[in-house]
Amino acid sequence: MDRHKLRSHVFDKTGIKVDVDDPIFALVALNEAVLAETVERQLALLDAATQALAAQARAAGGLPAAVPQPVPQASGRAPWFSPREWRLLGAAAIVSVASALLVLGGAALLYKL
């Protein structure tokens, strides 16, 4: 915490002169400590949630094992998409076409009204 920088900032924003020995800096230090503790707690919760989500995804077969296994390379070039990716692309295409048709149908219905 740079007290001189904070002091200048307070003066620029409010026009109030604050001394570097002002008790308000005790409140700033307390705020920093509380914020640091809160951030650490939130990071721990986020890390735990991330680990739990990764474990669920691995159990469902959506993620590879935690330790990547070497994949044998077939001769020639690797395929652009795996079969799973092709299925996902097909599903995304169907959903996008259905959404476009729904929007166009809604627009036509509203146009007639």
C-alpha atoms as a PDB file:
ATOM      1  CA  MET A   1       0.000   0.000   0.000  1.00  0.00           C
ATOM      2  CA  ASP A   2       1.537   3.276  -1.120  1.00  0.00           C
ATOM      3  CA  ARG A   3       0.175   5.872   1.283  1.00  0.00           C
ATOM      4  CA  HIS A   4       1.396   8.819  -0.768  1.00  0.00           C
ATOM      5  CA  LYS A   5      -0.343   7.512  -3.868  1.00  0.00           C
ATOM      6  CA  LEU A   6      -3.571   6.911  -1.925  1.00  0.00           C
ATOM      7  CA  ARG A   7      -3.277  10.352  -0.353  1.00  0.00           C
ATOM      8  CA  SER A   8      -2.972  11.974  -3.778  1.00  0.00           C
ATOM      9  CA  HIS A   9      -5.874   9.906  -5.085  1.00  0.00           C
ATOM     10  CA  VAL A  10      -8.152  10.978  -2.216  1.00  0.00           C
ATOM     11  CA  PHE A  11      -7.215  14.615  -2.760  1.00  0.00           C
ATOM     12  CA  ASP A  12      -7.786  14.378  -6.526  1.00  0.00           C
ATOM     13  CA  LYS A  13     -11.212  12.752  -6.106  1.00  0.00           C
ATOM     14  CA  THR A  14     -12.554  14.656  -3.104  1.00  0.00           C
ATOM     15  CA  GLY A  15     -10.338  17.684  -2.495  1.00  0.00           C
ATOM     16  CA  ILE A  16      -9.755  16.469   1.072  1.00  0.00           C
ATOM     17  CA  LYS A  17      -6.168  16.543   2.316  1.00  0.00           C
ATOM     18  CA  VAL A  18      -5.176  13.368   4.141  1.00  0.00           C
ATOM     19  CA  ASP A  19      -1.904  13.062   6.050  1.00  0.00           C
ATOM     20  CA  VAL A  20       0.161   9.879   5.670  1.00  0.00           C
ATOM     21  CA  ASP A  21      -0.213   9.335   9.444  1.00  0.00           C
ATOM     22  CA  ASP A  22      -4.005   9.720   9.327  1.00  0.00           C
ATOM     23  CA  PRO A  23      -5.938   6.942  11.134  1.00  0.00           C
ATOM     24  CA  ILE A  24      -7.898   6.331   7.935  1.00  0.00           C
ATOM     25  CA  PHE A  25      -4.920   4.310   6.704  1.00  0.00           C
ATOM     26  CA  ALA A  26      -5.534   1.841   9.554  1.00  0.00           C
ATOM     27  CA  LEU A  27      -8.953   1.250   8.013  1.00  0.00           C
ATOM     28  CA  VAL A  28      -7.325   0.814   4.599  1.00  0.00           C
ATOM     29  CA  ALA A  29      -4.917  -1.775   6.047  1.00  0.00           C
ATOM     30  CA  LEU A  30      -7.815  -3.579   7.740  1.00  0.00           C
ATOM     31  CA  ASN A  31      -9.732  -3.555   4.471  1.00  0.00           C
ATOM     32  CA  GLU A  32      -6.737  -5.049   2.648  1.00  0.00           C
ATOM     33  CA  ALA A  33      -6.446  -7.821   5.243  1.00  0.00           C
ATOM     34  CA  VAL A  34     -10.149  -8.682   5.064  1.00  0.00           C
ATOM     35  CA  LEU A  35     -10.064  -8.608   1.269  1.00  0.00           C
ATOM     36  CA  ALA A  36      -6.997 -10.855   1.136  1.00  0.00           C
ATOM     37  CA  GLU A  37      -8.635 -13.364   3.483  1.00  0.00           C
ATOM     38  CA  THR A  38     -11.861 -13.308   1.476  1.00  0.00           C
ATOM     39  CA  VAL A  39     -10.005 -13.807  -1.794  1.00  0.00           C
ATOM     40  CA  GLU A  40      -8.068 -16.760  -0.352  1.00  0.00           C
ATOM     41  CA  ARG A  41     -11.293 -18.333   0.894  1.00  0.00           C
ATOM     42  CA  GLN A  42     -13.032 -17.822  -2.456  1.00  0.00           C
ATOM     43  CA  LEU A  43     -10.043 -19.259  -4.328  1.00  0.00           C
ATOM     44  CA  ALA A  44     -10.092 -22.333  -2.092  1.00  0.00           C
ATOM     45  CA  LEU A  45     -13.831 -22.793  -2.727  1.00  0.00           C
ATOM     46  CA  LEU A  46     -13.338 -22.306  -6.462  1.00  0.00           C
ATOM     47  CA  ASP A  47     -10.473 -24.802  -6.512  1.00  0.00           C
ATOM     48  CA  ALA A  48     -12.546 -27.369  -4.619  1.00  0.00           C
ATOM     49  CA  ALA A  49     -15.492 -26.860  -6.975  1.00  0.00           C
ATOM     50  CA  THR A  50     -13.195 -27.171  -9.991  1.00  0.00           C
ATOM     51  CA  GLN A  51     -11.718 -30.405  -8.682  1.00  0.00           C
ATOM     52  CA  ALA A  52     -15.191 -31.809  -7.983  1.00  0.00           C
ATOM     53  CA  LEU A  53     -16.414 -30.835 -11.453  1.00  0.00           C
ATOM     54  CA  ALA A  54     -13.345 -32.390 -13.076  1.00  0.00           C
ATOM     55  CA  ALA A  55     -13.900 -35.606 -11.103  1.00  0.00           C
ATOM     56  CA  GLN A  56     -17.546 -35.720 -12.226  1.00  0.00           C
ATOM     57  CA  ALA A  57     -16.543 -35.098 -15.830  1.00  0.00           C
ATOM     58  CA  ARG A  58     -13.934 -37.853 -15.665  1.00  0.00           C
ATOM     59  CA  ALA A  59     -16.490 -40.232 -14.160  1.00  0.00           C
ATOM     60  CA  ALA A  60     -18.921 -39.418 -16.974  1.00  0.00           C
ATOM     61  CA  GLY A  61     -16.226 -39.963 -19.578  1.00  0.00           C
ATOM     62  CA  GLY A  62     -16.038 -36.324 -20.650  1.00  0.00           C
ATOM     63  CA  LEU A  63     -12.441 -35.783 -19.569  1.00  0.00           C
ATOM     64  CA  PRO A  64      -9.387 -37.974 -19.928  1.00  0.00           C
ATOM     65  CA  ALA A  65      -7.695 -39.414 -16.867  1.00  0.00           C
ATOM     66  CA  ALA A  66      -5.715 -37.005 -14.716  1.00  0.00           C
ATOM     67  CA  VAL A  67      -2.433 -38.439 -16.017  1.00  0.00           C
ATOM     68  CA  PRO A  68      -2.462 -38.274 -19.807  1.00  0.00           C
ATOM     69  CA  GLN A  69      -1.604 -41.575 -21.456  1.00  0.00           C
ATOM     70  CA  PRO A  70       0.485 -41.574 -24.630  1.00  0.00           C
ATOM     71  CA  VAL A  71      -1.720 -42.075 -27.657  1.00  0.00           C
ATOM     72  CA  PRO A  72      -0.263 -44.212 -30.431  1.00  0.00           C
ATOM     73  CA  GLN A  73      -0.142 -42.272 -33.677  1.00  0.00           C
ATOM     74  CA  ALA A  74      -1.497 -43.945 -36.768  1.00  0.00           C
ATOM     75  CA  SER A  75       0.535 -43.703 -39.893  1.00  0.00           C
ATOM     76  CA  GLY A  76      -0.301 -40.737 -42.044  1.00  0.00           C
ATOM     77  CA  ARG A  77      -2.124 -37.615 -40.989  1.00  0.00           C
ATOM     78  CA  ALA A  78      -4.359 -37.455 -37.958  1.00  0.00           C
ATOM     79  CA  PRO A  79      -8.090 -37.001 -38.644  1.00  0.00           C
ATOM     80  CA  TRP A  80      -9.406 -33.470 -38.326  1.00  0.00           C
ATOM     81  CA  PHE A  81     -12.184 -34.432 -35.947  1.00  0.00           C
ATOM     82  CA  SER A  82     -12.777 -37.435 -33.756  1.00  0.00           C
ATOM     83  CA  PRO A  83     -16.119 -39.265 -34.012  1.00  0.00           C
ATOM     84  CA  ARG A  84     -17.265 -37.631 -30.782  1.00  0.00           C
ATOM     85  CA  GLU A  85     -16.450 -34.183 -32.177  1.00  0.00           C
ATOM     86  CA  TRP A  86     -18.388 -34.989 -35.371  1.00  0.00           C
ATOM     87  CA  ARG A  87     -21.413 -35.920 -33.262  1.00  0.00           C
ATOM     88  CA  LEU A  88     -21.122 -32.676 -31.294  1.00  0.00           C
ATOM     89  CA  LEU A  89     -20.795 -30.654 -34.498  1.00  0.00           C
ATOM     90  CA  GLY A  90     -23.856 -32.374 -35.946  1.00  0.00           C
ATOM     91  CA  ALA A  91     -25.874 -31.706 -32.801  1.00  0.00           C
ATOM     92  CA  ALA A  92     -24.777 -28.059 -32.812  1.00  0.00           C
ATOM     93  CA  ALA A  93     -25.779 -27.732 -36.480  1.00  0.00           C
ATOM     94  CA  ILE A  94     -29.221 -29.196 -35.776  1.00  0.00           C
ATOM     95  CA  VAL A  95     -29.757 -26.897 -32.803  1.00  0.00           C
ATOM     96  CA  SER A  96     -28.668 -23.834 -34.785  1.00  0.00           C
ATOM     97  CA  VAL A  97     -30.969 -24.672 -37.711  1.00  0.00           C
ATOM     98  CA  ALA A  98     -33.879 -25.321 -35.334  1.00  0.00           C
ATOM     99  CA  SER A  99     -33.213 -22.013 -33.558  1.00  0.00           C
ATOM    100  CA  ALA A 100     -33.099 -20.138 -36.865  1.00  0.00           C
ATOM    101  CA  LEU A 101     -36.378 -21.707 -37.969  1.00  0.00           C
ATOM    102  CA  LEU A 102     -37.971 -20.831 -34.630  1.00  0.00           C
ATOM    103  CA  VAL A 103     -36.852 -17.210 -34.919  1.00  0.00           C
ATOM    104  CA  LEU A 104     -38.018 -16.943 -38.517  1.00  0.00           C
ATOM    105  CA  GLY A 105     -41.365 -18.551 -37.655  1.00  0.00           C
ATOM    106  CA  GLY A 106     -41.837 -16.163 -34.741  1.00  0.00           C
ATOM    107  CA  ALA A 107     -40.961 -13.181 -36.912  1.00  0.00           C
ATOM    108  CA  ALA A 108     -43.423 -14.314 -39.595  1.00  0.00           C
ATOM    109  CA  LEU A 109     -46.134 -14.819 -36.980  1.00  0.00           C
ATOM    110  CA  LEU A 110     -45.550 -11.372 -35.493  1.00  0.00           C
ATOM    111  CA  TYR A 111     -45.418  -9.816 -38.967  1.00  0.00           C
ATOM    112  CA  LYS A 112     -48.877 -11.141 -39.791  1.00  0.00           C
ATOM    113  CA  LEU A 113     -50.336  -9.735 -36.575  1.00  0.00           C
END
